[in-house]
Amino acid sequence: MNKMMTSMIAFGAGMAAFNLAQKNNLMSERQMKRMKRKVKRSIF
């Protein structure tokens, strides 16, 4: 249960940083796709 909460908080923080980076165009499209894949793999 605790591990689940920690991963959800980490995921939320990651998504916030991700959206910020998207708005500021800090990352290219290719890096975005790669990061999405990594995030999906780490969650599921």
PDB file of N, CA and C in Angstrom:
ATOM      1  N   MET A   1       0.830  -1.206   0.000  1.00  0.00           N
ATOM      2  CA  MET A   1       0.000   0.000   0.000  1.00  0.00           C
ATOM      3  C   MET A   1       0.868   1.261   0.000  1.00  0.00           C
ATOM      4  N   ASN A   2       1.861   1.270   0.878  1.00  0.00           N
ATOM      5  CA  ASN A   2       2.748   2.425   0.982  1.00  0.00           C
ATOM      6  C   ASN A   2       3.530   2.630  -0.305  1.00  0.00           C
ATOM      7  N   LYS A   3       3.972   1.510  -0.886  1.00  0.00           N
ATOM      8  CA  LYS A   3       4.734   1.586  -2.132  1.00  0.00           C
ATOM      9  C   LYS A   3       3.864   2.164  -3.246  1.00  0.00           C
ATOM     10  N   MET A   4       2.593   1.771  -3.254  1.00  0.00           N
ATOM     11  CA  MET A   4       1.650   2.267  -4.258  1.00  0.00           C
ATOM     12  C   MET A   4       1.503   3.782  -4.131  1.00  0.00           C
ATOM     13  N   MET A   5       1.351   4.262  -2.903  1.00  0.00           N
ATOM     14  CA  MET A   5       1.202   5.704  -2.672  1.00  0.00           C
ATOM     15  C   MET A   5       2.449   6.459  -3.133  1.00  0.00           C
ATOM     16  N   THR A   6       3.602   5.919  -2.807  1.00  0.00           N
ATOM     17  CA  THR A   6       4.861   6.562  -3.186  1.00  0.00           C
ATOM     18  C   THR A   6       4.987   6.657  -4.695  1.00  0.00           C
ATOM     19  N   SER A   7       4.647   5.570  -5.389  1.00  0.00           N
ATOM     20  CA  SER A   7       4.763   5.566  -6.845  1.00  0.00           C
ATOM     21  C   SER A   7       3.757   6.531  -7.472  1.00  0.00           C
ATOM     22  N   MET A   8       2.570   6.654  -6.867  1.00  0.00           N
ATOM     23  CA  MET A   8       1.568   7.580  -7.398  1.00  0.00           C
ATOM     24  C   MET A   8       2.027   9.031  -7.210  1.00  0.00           C
ATOM     25  N   ILE A   9       2.635   9.325  -6.064  1.00  0.00           N
ATOM     26  CA  ILE A   9       3.141  10.678  -5.809  1.00  0.00           C
ATOM     27  C   ILE A   9       4.278  10.998  -6.772  1.00  0.00           C
ATOM     28  N   ALA A  10       5.174  10.025  -6.952  1.00  0.00           N
ATOM     29  CA  ALA A  10       6.292  10.212  -7.875  1.00  0.00           C
ATOM     30  C   ALA A  10       5.770  10.411  -9.295  1.00  0.00           C
ATOM     31  N   PHE A  11       4.746   9.657  -9.652  1.00  0.00           N
ATOM     32  CA  PHE A  11       4.148   9.775 -10.978  1.00  0.00           C
ATOM     33  C   PHE A  11       3.522  11.153 -11.165  1.00  0.00           C
ATOM     34  N   GLY A  12       2.824  11.632 -10.144  1.00  0.00           N
ATOM     35  CA  GLY A  12       2.206  12.956 -10.200  1.00  0.00           C
ATOM     36  C   GLY A  12       3.245  14.048 -10.388  1.00  0.00           C
ATOM     37  N   ALA A  13       4.331  13.956  -9.638  1.00  0.00           N
ATOM     38  CA  ALA A  13       5.410  14.940  -9.754  1.00  0.00           C
ATOM     39  C   ALA A  13       6.042  14.853 -11.146  1.00  0.00           C
ATOM     40  N   GLY A  14       6.202  13.640 -11.630  1.00  0.00           N
ATOM     41  CA  GLY A  14       6.775  13.432 -12.965  1.00  0.00           C
ATOM     42  C   GLY A  14       5.898  14.043 -14.042  1.00  0.00           C
ATOM     43  N   MET A  15       4.585  13.853 -13.913  1.00  0.00           N
ATOM     44  CA  MET A  15       3.659  14.398 -14.896  1.00  0.00           C
ATOM     45  C   MET A  15       3.664  15.926 -14.861  1.00  0.00           C
ATOM     46  N   ALA A  16       3.770  16.508 -13.663  1.00  0.00           N
ATOM     47  CA  ALA A  16       3.819  17.967 -13.541  1.00  0.00           C
ATOM     48  C   ALA A  16       5.062  18.507 -14.238  1.00  0.00           C
ATOM     49  N   ALA A  17       6.208  17.868 -14.002  1.00  0.00           N
ATOM     50  CA  ALA A  17       7.457  18.281 -14.635  1.00  0.00           C
ATOM     51  C   ALA A  17       7.362  18.090 -16.146  1.00  0.00           C
ATOM     52  N   PHE A  18       6.721  16.990 -16.538  1.00  0.00           N
ATOM     53  CA  PHE A  18       6.541  16.665 -17.951  1.00  0.00           C
ATOM     54  C   PHE A  18       5.728  17.747 -18.655  1.00  0.00           C
ATOM     55  N   ASN A  19       4.602  18.143 -18.038  1.00  0.00           N
ATOM     56  CA  ASN A  19       3.750  19.186 -18.620  1.00  0.00           C
ATOM     57  C   ASN A  19       4.481  20.523 -18.695  1.00  0.00           C
ATOM     58  N   LEU A  20       5.264  20.819 -17.661  1.00  0.00           N
ATOM     59  CA  LEU A  20       6.047  22.054 -17.642  1.00  0.00           C
ATOM     60  C   LEU A  20       7.032  22.063 -18.800  1.00  0.00           C
ATOM     61  N   ALA A  21       7.723  20.951 -18.980  1.00  0.00           N
ATOM     62  CA  ALA A  21       8.710  20.835 -20.052  1.00  0.00           C
ATOM     63  C   ALA A  21       8.031  20.963 -21.410  1.00  0.00           C
ATOM     64  N   GLN A  22       6.835  20.399 -21.529  1.00  0.00           N
ATOM     65  CA  GLN A  22       6.096  20.462 -22.783  1.00  0.00           C
ATOM     66  C   GLN A  22       5.725  21.911 -23.105  1.00  0.00           C
ATOM     67  N   LYS A  23       5.246  22.644 -22.093  1.00  0.00           N
ATOM     68  CA  LYS A  23       4.855  24.036 -22.298  1.00  0.00           C
ATOM     69  C   LYS A  23       6.039  24.891 -22.700  1.00  0.00           C
ATOM     70  N   ASN A  24       7.194  24.620 -22.094  1.00  0.00           N
ATOM     71  CA  ASN A  24       8.378  25.429 -22.364  1.00  0.00           C
ATOM     72  C   ASN A  24       9.235  24.888 -23.501  1.00  0.00           C
ATOM     73  N   ASN A  25       8.768  23.802 -24.138  1.00  0.00           N
ATOM     74  CA  ASN A  25       9.495  23.190 -25.254  1.00  0.00           C
ATOM     75  C   ASN A  25      10.944  22.873 -24.888  1.00  0.00           C
ATOM     76  N   LEU A  26      11.130  22.317 -23.687  1.00  0.00           N
ATOM     77  CA  LEU A  26      12.481  21.962 -23.252  1.00  0.00           C
ATOM     78  C   LEU A  26      12.932  20.655 -23.887  1.00  0.00           C
ATOM     79  N   MET A  27      11.964  19.857 -24.325  1.00  0.00           N
ATOM     80  CA  MET A  27      12.308  18.560 -24.909  1.00  0.00           C
ATOM     81  C   MET A  27      11.777  18.448 -26.320  1.00  0.00           C
ATOM     82  N   SER A  28      12.495  17.704 -27.134  1.00  0.00           N
ATOM     83  CA  SER A  28      12.041  17.467 -28.496  1.00  0.00           C
ATOM     84  C   SER A  28      10.962  16.382 -28.506  1.00  0.00           C
ATOM     85  N   GLU A  29      10.262  16.265 -29.613  1.00  0.00           N
ATOM     86  CA  GLU A  29       9.194  15.273 -29.731  1.00  0.00           C
ATOM     87  C   GLU A  29       9.714  13.861 -29.512  1.00  0.00           C
ATOM     88  N   ARG A  30      10.902  13.585 -30.048  1.00  0.00           N
ATOM     89  CA  ARG A  30      11.454  12.238 -29.939  1.00  0.00           C
ATOM     90  C   ARG A  30      11.740  11.891 -28.490  1.00  0.00           C
ATOM     91  N   GLN A  31      12.294  12.837 -27.750  1.00  0.00           N
ATOM     92  CA  GLN A  31      12.566  12.594 -26.335  1.00  0.00           C
ATOM     93  C   GLN A  31      11.273  12.380 -25.563  1.00  0.00           C
ATOM     94  N   MET A  32      10.235  13.124 -25.941  1.00  0.00           N
ATOM     95  CA  MET A  32       8.928  12.974 -25.301  1.00  0.00           C
ATOM     96  C   MET A  32       8.436  11.545 -25.439  1.00  0.00           C
ATOM     97  N   LYS A  33       8.459  11.050 -26.676  1.00  0.00           N
ATOM     98  CA  LYS A  33       7.971   9.700 -26.934  1.00  0.00           C
ATOM     99  C   LYS A  33       8.766   8.673 -26.148  1.00  0.00           C
ATOM    100  N   ARG A  34      10.092   8.861 -26.126  1.00  0.00           N
ATOM    101  CA  ARG A  34      10.950   7.922 -25.408  1.00  0.00           C
ATOM    102  C   ARG A  34      10.612   7.933 -23.920  1.00  0.00           C
ATOM    103  N   MET A  35      10.375   9.133 -23.372  1.00  0.00           N
ATOM    104  CA  MET A  35      10.087   9.246 -21.953  1.00  0.00           C
ATOM    105  C   MET A  35       8.730   8.627 -21.624  1.00  0.00           C
ATOM    106  N   LYS A  36       7.744   8.835 -22.487  1.00  0.00           N
ATOM    107  CA  LYS A  36       6.430   8.235 -22.263  1.00  0.00           C
ATOM    108  C   LYS A  36       6.547   6.728 -22.198  1.00  0.00           C
ATOM    109  N   ARG A  37       7.352   6.161 -23.102  1.00  0.00           N
ATOM    110  CA  ARG A  37       7.525   4.714 -23.123  1.00  0.00           C
ATOM    111  C   ARG A  37       8.186   4.234 -21.829  1.00  0.00           C
ATOM    112  N   LYS A  38       9.190   4.945 -21.372  1.00  0.00           N
ATOM    113  CA  LYS A  38       9.872   4.580 -20.127  1.00  0.00           C
ATOM    114  C   LYS A  38       8.916   4.640 -18.945  1.00  0.00           C
ATOM    115  N   VAL A  39       8.121   5.698 -18.909  1.00  0.00           N
ATOM    116  CA  VAL A  39       7.167   5.869 -17.813  1.00  0.00           C
ATOM    117  C   VAL A  39       6.156   4.736 -17.807  1.00  0.00           C
ATOM    118  N   LYS A  40       5.629   4.404 -18.977  1.00  0.00           N
ATOM    119  CA  LYS A  40       4.655   3.316 -19.077  1.00  0.00           C
ATOM    120  C   LYS A  40       5.259   2.005 -18.602  1.00  0.00           C
ATOM    121  N   ARG A  41       6.507   1.743 -19.032  1.00  0.00           N
ATOM    122  CA  ARG A  41       7.157   0.484 -18.658  1.00  0.00           C
ATOM    123  C   ARG A  41       7.394   0.420 -17.156  1.00  0.00           C
ATOM    124  N   SER A  42       7.756   1.538 -16.557  1.00  0.00           N
ATOM    125  CA  SER A  42       8.035   1.530 -15.108  1.00  0.00           C
ATOM    126  C   SER A  42       6.773   1.383 -14.285  1.00  0.00           C
ATOM    127  N   ILE A  43       5.637   1.827 -14.838  1.00  0.00           N
ATOM    128  CA  ILE A  43       4.381   1.717 -14.071  1.00  0.00           C
ATOM    129  C   ILE A  43       3.749   0.349 -14.221  1.00  0.00           C
ATOM    130  N   PHE A  44       3.664  -0.137 -15.472  1.00  0.00           N
ATOM    131  CA  PHE A  44       2.979  -1.410 -15.707  1.00  0.00           C
ATOM    132  C   PHE A  44       3.935  -2.588 -15.739  1.00  0.00           C
TER     133      PHE A  44
END
